Amino acid sequence: MPTSSSPTPAEDPKVAAAIADLAKRQGVKSEEITVVSNDKVTWRDGSLGCPEPGKMYTMVLTDGVRVVLEAAGTTYEYHGAESGPVRFCENPQEPVPDKGSSDAPQ
């Protein structure tokens, strides 16, 4: 399903939290941050697309979110599970491709 009707930052606490974190990290005002996308995705495992070296993760597809923000010409990703907070992801991985874009029967 398309996610073009994503809630605005004021309506989505995950986006608001990501904006607040990025503003603090980069030392910019939240008004200087643009929401590039806020999508429901399926992560390949429990790392939520943001694995840390030396850590083990559950090997199960996990429904979640990916919030992409832009500040001063640079994009930043925040990943999270369907429930719970999002966190900054320094080396993001791609989620599972959208099932709607494949030719597989549903």
Protein backbone atom coordinates (compact mmCIF):
# COMPACT_ATOMS: atom_id res chain seq x y z
CA MET A 1 0.00 0.00 0.00
CA PRO A 2 1.27 3.51 -0.71
CA THR A 3 2.19 5.56 2.30
CA SER A 4 1.73 8.97 0.71
CA SER A 5 -0.92 9.81 3.30
CA SER A 6 1.61 9.68 6.12
CA PRO A 7 0.71 11.72 9.18
CA THR A 8 2.31 15.12 9.59
CA PRO A 9 5.11 15.40 12.20
CA ALA A 10 2.66 16.92 14.69
CA GLU A 11 0.40 13.87 14.29
CA ASP A 12 3.12 11.21 14.39
CA PRO A 13 5.12 10.96 17.62
CA LYS A 14 7.84 8.89 15.91
CA VAL A 15 8.50 11.67 13.39
CA ALA A 16 8.40 14.32 16.11
CA ALA A 17 10.92 12.32 18.17
CA ALA A 18 13.21 11.88 15.15
CA ILE A 19 13.10 15.61 14.39
CA ALA A 20 13.86 16.49 18.01
CA ASP A 21 16.80 14.05 18.10
CA LEU A 22 18.26 15.29 14.81
CA ALA A 23 17.92 18.94 15.85
CA LYS A 24 19.89 18.15 19.02
CA ARG A 25 22.50 16.04 17.17
CA GLN A 26 23.11 18.64 14.46
CA GLY A 27 22.60 21.75 16.55
CA VAL A 28 19.87 23.09 14.28
CA LYS A 29 16.32 24.27 14.85
CA SER A 30 13.58 21.73 14.21
CA GLU A 31 12.12 24.16 11.64
CA GLU A 32 15.29 23.66 9.56
CA ILE A 33 14.57 19.92 9.21
CA THR A 34 12.44 18.53 6.38
CA VAL A 35 10.61 15.19 6.47
CA VAL A 36 11.63 13.42 3.26
CA SER A 37 9.58 10.30 3.95
CA ASN A 38 7.78 8.45 6.72
CA ASP A 39 7.07 4.91 5.56
CA LYS A 40 5.80 1.65 6.97
CA VAL A 41 8.33 -1.00 5.98
CA THR A 42 9.31 -4.61 6.70
CA TRP A 43 12.81 -5.05 8.10
CA ARG A 44 14.83 -8.18 7.28
CA ASP A 45 15.60 -8.94 10.93
CA GLY A 46 15.52 -7.62 14.48
CA SER A 47 18.24 -5.07 13.76
CA LEU A 48 15.53 -2.97 12.09
CA GLY A 49 17.87 -2.15 9.22
CA CYS A 50 20.50 -0.76 11.54
CA PRO A 51 22.77 -3.60 12.65
CA GLU A 52 25.59 -2.96 15.09
CA PRO A 53 28.86 -4.92 14.72
CA GLY A 54 29.16 -7.86 17.10
CA LYS A 55 25.45 -7.96 18.02
CA MET A 56 23.10 -10.84 17.23
CA TYR A 57 19.53 -10.24 16.09
CA THR A 58 16.36 -12.29 15.68
CA MET A 59 16.16 -13.57 12.13
CA VAL A 60 12.52 -12.78 11.48
CA LEU A 61 10.83 -10.25 9.22
CA THR A 62 9.76 -7.33 11.39
CA ASP A 63 7.14 -4.70 10.58
CA GLY A 64 8.41 -1.23 11.27
CA VAL A 65 8.94 2.33 10.13
CA ARG A 66 11.62 4.33 8.37
CA VAL A 67 11.68 8.10 8.82
CA VAL A 68 14.02 9.97 6.47
CA LEU A 69 14.86 13.56 7.40
CA GLU A 70 16.92 16.22 5.63
CA ALA A 71 18.92 19.00 7.24
CA ALA A 72 21.41 21.30 5.48
CA GLY A 73 21.38 19.14 2.34
CA THR A 74 22.13 15.85 4.13
CA THR A 75 19.65 13.03 4.73
CA TYR A 76 19.38 11.08 7.97
CA GLU A 77 17.46 7.88 8.69
CA TYR A 78 15.58 6.83 11.79
CA HIS A 79 14.39 3.22 12.03
CA GLY A 80 12.02 1.53 14.42
CA ALA A 81 9.62 -1.33 14.98
CA GLU A 82 5.89 -0.90 14.52
CA SER A 83 5.62 -0.22 18.23
CA GLY A 84 8.28 1.54 20.26
CA PRO A 85 10.62 4.42 19.49
CA VAL A 86 12.68 5.15 16.39
CA ARG A 87 16.43 5.53 16.62
CA PHE A 88 19.08 7.22 14.53
CA CYS A 89 20.72 4.83 12.08
CA GLU A 90 24.24 5.78 11.02
CA ASN A 91 24.66 2.99 8.44
CA PRO A 92 21.13 2.16 7.28
CA GLN A 93 20.20 -0.93 5.32
CA GLU A 94 17.26 -1.20 2.96
CA PRO A 95 14.03 -2.85 4.11
CA VAL A 96 12.42 -5.78 2.30
CA PRO A 97 11.16 -4.57 -1.10
CA ASP A 98 7.50 -3.58 -1.14
CA LYS A 99 5.34 -6.59 -1.99
CA GLY A 100 3.06 -4.37 -4.08
CA SER A 101 5.82 -3.83 -6.64
CA SER A 102 6.36 -7.52 -7.42
CA ASP A 103 4.51 -9.74 -9.88
CA ALA A 104 3.99 -12.45 -7.27
CA PRO A 105 0.39 -13.55 -6.67
CA GLN A 106 -1.13 -12.26 -3.46
